[in-house]
Amino acid sequence: MAVPKRRTSKRKKRARNTHKKAAPIALQKCPRCQAMKRPHRVCDECGYYAGKQRVAAKEA
């Protein structure tokens, strides 16, 4: 079984792990009400998705 010859330093370990981060949350404008929403989801403000009303709109 392979065993590391030397201890991995903090700098080396952190440099290797810099790519292991969460991607930023993608947001886009709703084409109907211009509110920011996540792609491929019903808009929270107007309740529309793909040009059709899917859920009741939020009360103001």
PDB file of N, CA and C in Angstrom:
ATOM      1  N   MET A   1       0.838  -1.180   0.000  1.00  0.00           N
ATOM      2  CA  MET A   1       0.000   0.000   0.000  1.00  0.00           C
ATOM      3  C   MET A   1       0.888   1.250   0.000  1.00  0.00           C
ATOM      4  N   ALA A   2       0.517   2.241  -0.798  1.00  0.00           N
ATOM      5  CA  ALA A   2       1.327   3.452  -0.919  1.00  0.00           C
ATOM      6  C   ALA A   2       1.177   4.332   0.313  1.00  0.00           C
ATOM      7  N   VAL A   3       2.298   4.822   0.794  1.00  0.00           N
ATOM      8  CA  VAL A   3       2.329   5.701   1.964  1.00  0.00           C
ATOM      9  C   VAL A   3       3.113   6.948   1.579  1.00  0.00           C
ATOM     10  N   PRO A   4       2.612   8.153   1.898  1.00  0.00           N
ATOM     11  CA  PRO A   4       3.354   9.357   1.537  1.00  0.00           C
ATOM     12  C   PRO A   4       4.704   9.429   2.263  1.00  0.00           C
ATOM     13  N   LYS A   5       5.741   9.831   1.544  1.00  0.00           N
ATOM     14  CA  LYS A   5       7.075   9.904   2.126  1.00  0.00           C
ATOM     15  C   LYS A   5       7.221  11.117   3.039  1.00  0.00           C
ATOM     16  N   ARG A   6       6.583  12.216   2.652  1.00  0.00           N
ATOM     17  CA  ARG A   6       6.659  13.446   3.436  1.00  0.00           C
ATOM     18  C   ARG A   6       5.255  13.970   3.702  1.00  0.00           C
ATOM     19  N   ARG A   7       5.133  14.710   4.776  1.00  0.00           N
ATOM     20  CA  ARG A   7       3.857  15.340   5.117  1.00  0.00           C
ATOM     21  C   ARG A   7       3.573  16.449   4.106  1.00  0.00           C
ATOM     22  N   THR A   8       2.326  16.554   3.655  1.00  0.00           N
ATOM     23  CA  THR A   8       1.944  17.617   2.733  1.00  0.00           C
ATOM     24  C   THR A   8       1.806  18.925   3.512  1.00  0.00           C
ATOM     25  N   SER A   9       2.497  19.960   3.060  1.00  0.00           N
ATOM     26  CA  SER A   9       2.480  21.242   3.764  1.00  0.00           C
ATOM     27  C   SER A   9       1.115  21.926   3.591  1.00  0.00           C
ATOM     28  N   LYS A  10       0.845  22.877   4.473  1.00  0.00           N
ATOM     29  CA  LYS A  10      -0.417  23.626   4.395  1.00  0.00           C
ATOM     30  C   LYS A  10      -0.507  24.369   3.064  1.00  0.00           C
ATOM     31  N   ARG A  11       0.588  24.937   2.626  1.00  0.00           N
ATOM     32  CA  ARG A  11       0.588  25.697   1.382  1.00  0.00           C
ATOM     33  C   ARG A  11       0.265  24.797   0.190  1.00  0.00           C
ATOM     34  N   LYS A  12       0.890  23.635   0.138  1.00  0.00           N
ATOM     35  CA  LYS A  12       0.664  22.694  -0.965  1.00  0.00           C
ATOM     36  C   LYS A  12      -0.782  22.188  -0.961  1.00  0.00           C
ATOM     37  N   LYS A  13      -1.277  21.864   0.233  1.00  0.00           N
ATOM     38  CA  LYS A  13      -2.641  21.361   0.378  1.00  0.00           C
ATOM     39  C   LYS A  13      -3.660  22.421  -0.038  1.00  0.00           C
ATOM     40  N   ARG A  14      -3.448  23.658   0.400  1.00  0.00           N
ATOM     41  CA  ARG A  14      -4.382  24.747   0.073  1.00  0.00           C
ATOM     42  C   ARG A  14      -4.330  25.098  -1.404  1.00  0.00           C
ATOM     43  N   ALA A  15      -3.131  25.017  -2.006  1.00  0.00           N
ATOM     44  CA  ALA A  15      -3.008  25.288  -3.438  1.00  0.00           C
ATOM     45  C   ALA A  15      -3.773  24.233  -4.249  1.00  0.00           C
ATOM     46  N   ARG A  16      -3.737  22.997  -3.805  1.00  0.00           N
ATOM     47  CA  ARG A  16      -4.449  21.922  -4.489  1.00  0.00           C
ATOM     48  C   ARG A  16      -5.961  22.091  -4.352  1.00  0.00           C
ATOM     49  N   ASN A  17      -6.403  22.585  -3.194  1.00  0.00           N
ATOM     50  CA  ASN A  17      -7.830  22.684  -2.912  1.00  0.00           C
ATOM     51  C   ASN A  17      -8.479  23.981  -3.383  1.00  0.00           C
ATOM     52  N   THR A  18      -7.729  24.875  -4.043  1.00  0.00           N
ATOM     53  CA  THR A  18      -8.321  26.139  -4.480  1.00  0.00           C
ATOM     54  C   THR A  18      -9.422  25.932  -5.511  1.00  0.00           C
ATOM     55  N   HIS A  19      -9.399  24.830  -6.221  1.00  0.00           N
ATOM     56  CA  HIS A  19     -10.405  24.575  -7.251  1.00  0.00           C
ATOM     57  C   HIS A  19     -11.669  23.956  -6.679  1.00  0.00           C
ATOM     58  N   LYS A  20     -11.653  23.569  -5.421  1.00  0.00           N
ATOM     59  CA  LYS A  20     -12.809  22.919  -4.792  1.00  0.00           C
ATOM     60  C   LYS A  20     -13.693  23.956  -4.125  1.00  0.00           C
ATOM     61  N   LYS A  21     -14.322  24.799  -4.915  1.00  0.00           N
ATOM     62  CA  LYS A  21     -15.196  25.816  -4.351  1.00  0.00           C
ATOM     63  C   LYS A  21     -16.542  25.753  -5.051  1.00  0.00           C
ATOM     64  N   ALA A  22     -17.561  26.224  -4.377  1.00  0.00           N
ATOM     65  CA  ALA A  22     -18.900  26.206  -4.940  1.00  0.00           C
ATOM     66  C   ALA A  22     -19.007  27.267  -6.035  1.00  0.00           C
ATOM     67  N   ALA A  23     -19.685  26.920  -7.092  1.00  0.00           N
ATOM     68  CA  ALA A  23     -19.909  27.877  -8.170  1.00  0.00           C
ATOM     69  C   ALA A  23     -20.912  28.943  -7.716  1.00  0.00           C
ATOM     70  N   PRO A  24     -20.780  30.171  -8.193  1.00  0.00           N
ATOM     71  CA  PRO A  24     -21.746  31.204  -7.802  1.00  0.00           C
ATOM     72  C   PRO A  24     -23.140  30.864  -8.334  1.00  0.00           C
ATOM     73  N   ILE A  25     -24.153  31.264  -7.588  1.00  0.00           N
ATOM     74  CA  ILE A  25     -25.533  30.981  -7.973  1.00  0.00           C
ATOM     75  C   ILE A  25     -25.881  31.804  -9.210  1.00  0.00           C
ATOM     76  N   ALA A  26     -26.332  31.122 -10.248  1.00  0.00           N
ATOM     77  CA  ALA A  26     -26.688  31.793 -11.498  1.00  0.00           C
ATOM     78  C   ALA A  26     -28.045  32.466 -11.350  1.00  0.00           C
ATOM     79  N   LEU A  27     -28.136  33.713 -11.772  1.00  0.00           N
ATOM     80  CA  LEU A  27     -29.386  34.463 -11.748  1.00  0.00           C
ATOM     81  C   LEU A  27     -29.612  35.086 -13.111  1.00  0.00           C
ATOM     82  N   GLN A  28     -30.873  35.215 -13.485  1.00  0.00           N
ATOM     83  CA  GLN A  28     -31.232  35.892 -14.726  1.00  0.00           C
ATOM     84  C   GLN A  28     -32.538  36.633 -14.516  1.00  0.00           C
ATOM     85  N   LYS A  29     -32.810  37.585 -15.391  1.00  0.00           N
ATOM     86  CA  LYS A  29     -34.039  38.366 -15.277  1.00  0.00           C
ATOM     87  C   LYS A  29     -35.214  37.579 -15.814  1.00  0.00           C
ATOM     88  N   CYS A  30     -36.337  37.691 -15.126  1.00  0.00           N
ATOM     89  CA  CYS A  30     -37.581  37.093 -15.609  1.00  0.00           C
ATOM     90  C   CYS A  30     -38.017  37.888 -16.838  1.00  0.00           C
ATOM     91  N   PRO A  31     -38.344  37.226 -17.954  1.00  0.00           N
ATOM     92  CA  PRO A  31     -38.729  37.975 -19.153  1.00  0.00           C
ATOM     93  C   PRO A  31     -40.049  38.733 -18.994  1.00  0.00           C
ATOM     94  N   ARG A  32     -40.856  38.362 -18.019  1.00  0.00           N
ATOM     95  CA  ARG A  32     -42.162  38.998 -17.842  1.00  0.00           C
ATOM     96  C   ARG A  32     -42.104  40.174 -16.877  1.00  0.00           C
ATOM     97  N   CYS A  33     -41.520  39.984 -15.691  1.00  0.00           N
ATOM     98  CA  CYS A  33     -41.549  41.040 -14.675  1.00  0.00           C
ATOM     99  C   CYS A  33     -40.175  41.635 -14.369  1.00  0.00           C
ATOM    100  N   GLN A  34     -39.120  41.133 -15.011  1.00  0.00           N
ATOM    101  CA  GLN A  34     -37.752  41.625 -14.848  1.00  0.00           C
ATOM    102  C   GLN A  34     -37.155  41.396 -13.456  1.00  0.00           C
ATOM    103  N   ALA A  35     -37.783  40.566 -12.625  1.00  0.00           N
ATOM    104  CA  ALA A  35     -37.218  40.221 -11.320  1.00  0.00           C
ATOM    105  C   ALA A  35     -36.117  39.184 -11.518  1.00  0.00           C
ATOM    106  N   MET A  36     -35.122  39.186 -10.641  1.00  0.00           N
ATOM    107  CA  MET A  36     -34.034  38.220 -10.736  1.00  0.00           C
ATOM    108  C   MET A  36     -34.510  36.863 -10.219  1.00  0.00           C
ATOM    109  N   LYS A  37     -34.240  35.809 -10.994  1.00  0.00           N
ATOM    110  CA  LYS A  37     -34.653  34.459 -10.620  1.00  0.00           C
ATOM    111  C   LYS A  37     -33.603  33.465 -11.098  1.00  0.00           C
ATOM    112  N   ARG A  38     -33.642  32.253 -10.556  1.00  0.00           N
ATOM    113  CA  ARG A  38     -32.736  31.198 -11.001  1.00  0.00           C
ATOM    114  C   ARG A  38     -33.266  30.613 -12.307  1.00  0.00           C
ATOM    115  N   PRO A  39     -32.392  30.203 -13.215  1.00  0.00           N
ATOM    116  CA  PRO A  39     -32.845  29.656 -14.492  1.00  0.00           C
ATOM    117  C   PRO A  39     -33.592  28.336 -14.322  1.00  0.00           C
ATOM    118  N   HIS A  40     -34.547  28.092 -15.184  1.00  0.00           N
ATOM    119  CA  HIS A  40     -35.365  26.870 -15.222  1.00  0.00           C
ATOM    120  C   HIS A  40     -36.204  26.693 -13.956  1.00  0.00           C
ATOM    121  N   ARG A  41     -36.654  27.797 -13.380  1.00  0.00           N
ATOM    122  CA  ARG A  41     -37.518  27.752 -12.195  1.00  0.00           C
ATOM    123  C   ARG A  41     -38.632  28.771 -12.354  1.00  0.00           C
ATOM    124  N   VAL A  42     -39.728  28.535 -11.660  1.00  0.00           N
ATOM    125  CA  VAL A  42     -40.853  29.462 -11.680  1.00  0.00           C
ATOM    126  C   VAL A  42     -40.423  30.753 -10.991  1.00  0.00           C
ATOM    127  N   CYS A  43     -40.829  31.877 -11.551  1.00  0.00           N
ATOM    128  CA  CYS A  43     -40.503  33.180 -10.962  1.00  0.00           C
ATOM    129  C   CYS A  43     -41.289  33.343  -9.663  1.00  0.00           C
ATOM    130  N   ASP A  44     -40.581  33.747  -8.595  1.00  0.00           N
ATOM    131  CA  ASP A  44     -41.236  33.943  -7.304  1.00  0.00           C
ATOM    132  C   ASP A  44     -42.185  35.139  -7.317  1.00  0.00           C
ATOM    133  N   GLU A  45     -41.875  36.145  -8.111  1.00  0.00           N
ATOM    134  CA  GLU A  45     -42.664  37.376  -8.107  1.00  0.00           C
ATOM    135  C   GLU A  45     -43.972  37.234  -8.890  1.00  0.00           C
ATOM    136  N   CYS A  46     -43.884  36.744 -10.122  1.00  0.00           N
ATOM    137  CA  CYS A  46     -45.092  36.705 -10.961  1.00  0.00           C
ATOM    138  C   CYS A  46     -45.687  35.303 -11.112  1.00  0.00           C
ATOM    139  N   GLY A  47     -44.933  34.258 -10.807  1.00  0.00           N
ATOM    140  CA  GLY A  47     -45.455  32.891 -10.883  1.00  0.00           C
ATOM    141  C   GLY A  47     -45.463  32.300 -12.275  1.00  0.00           C
ATOM    142  N   TYR A  48     -44.771  32.923 -13.225  1.00  0.00           N
ATOM    143  CA  TYR A  48     -44.760  32.435 -14.601  1.00  0.00           C
ATOM    144  C   TYR A  48     -43.505  31.619 -14.873  1.00  0.00           C
ATOM    145  N   TYR A  49     -43.645  30.627 -15.758  1.00  0.00           N
ATOM    146  CA  TYR A  49     -42.515  29.860 -16.265  1.00  0.00           C
ATOM    147  C   TYR A  49     -42.843  29.442 -17.690  1.00  0.00           C
ATOM    148  N   ALA A  50     -41.944  29.672 -18.612  1.00  0.00           N
ATOM    149  CA  ALA A  50     -42.106  29.335 -20.038  1.00  0.00           C
ATOM    150  C   ALA A  50     -43.356  29.971 -20.626  1.00  0.00           C
ATOM    151  N   GLY A  51     -43.653  31.208 -20.208  1.00  0.00           N
ATOM    152  CA  GLY A  51     -44.771  31.950 -20.791  1.00  0.00           C
ATOM    153  C   GLY A  51     -46.134  31.591 -20.249  1.00  0.00           C
ATOM    154  N   LYS A  52     -46.225  30.715 -19.267  1.00  0.00           N
ATOM    155  CA  LYS A  52     -47.512  30.318 -18.691  1.00  0.00           C
ATOM    156  C   LYS A  52     -47.487  30.495 -17.188  1.00  0.00           C
ATOM    157  N   GLN A  53     -48.651  30.856 -16.624  1.00  0.00           N
ATOM    158  CA  GLN A  53     -48.742  30.989 -15.170  1.00  0.00           C
ATOM    159  C   GLN A  53     -48.793  29.600 -14.559  1.00  0.00           C
ATOM    160  N   ARG A  54     -47.836  29.316 -13.669  1.00  0.00           N
ATOM    161  CA  ARG A  54     -47.737  27.993 -13.043  1.00  0.00           C
ATOM    162  C   ARG A  54     -48.216  28.009 -11.608  1.00  0.00           C
ATOM    163  N   VAL A  55     -47.936  29.086 -10.869  1.00  0.00           N
ATOM    164  CA  VAL A  55     -48.374  29.215  -9.483  1.00  0.00           C
ATOM    165  C   VAL A  55     -48.954  30.617  -9.299  1.00  0.00           C
ATOM    166  N   ALA A  56     -49.717  30.785  -8.219  1.00  0.00           N
ATOM    167  CA  ALA A  56     -50.294  32.097  -7.940  1.00  0.00           C
ATOM    168  C   ALA A  56     -49.175  33.070  -7.571  1.00  0.00           C
ATOM    169  N   ALA A  57     -49.321  34.312  -7.999  1.00  0.00           N
ATOM    170  CA  ALA A  57     -48.309  35.334  -7.733  1.00  0.00           C
ATOM    171  C   ALA A  57     -48.313  35.716  -6.267  1.00  0.00           C
ATOM    172  N   LYS A  58     -47.159  36.215  -5.784  1.00  0.00           N
ATOM    173  CA  LYS A  58     -47.039  36.658  -4.400  1.00  0.00           C
ATOM    174  C   LYS A  58     -47.854  37.926  -4.191  1.00  0.00           C
ATOM    175  N   GLU A  59     -48.436  38.042  -3.003  1.00  0.00           N
ATOM    176  CA  GLU A  59     -49.158  39.266  -2.652  1.00  0.00           C
ATOM    177  C   GLU A  59     -48.153  40.327  -2.238  1.00  0.00           C
ATOM    178  N   ALA A  60     -48.407  41.555  -2.620  1.00  0.00           N
ATOM    179  CA  ALA A  60     -47.466  42.649  -2.304  1.00  0.00           C
ATOM    180  C   ALA A  60     -47.665  43.203  -0.916  1.00  0.00           C
TER     181      ALA A  60
END
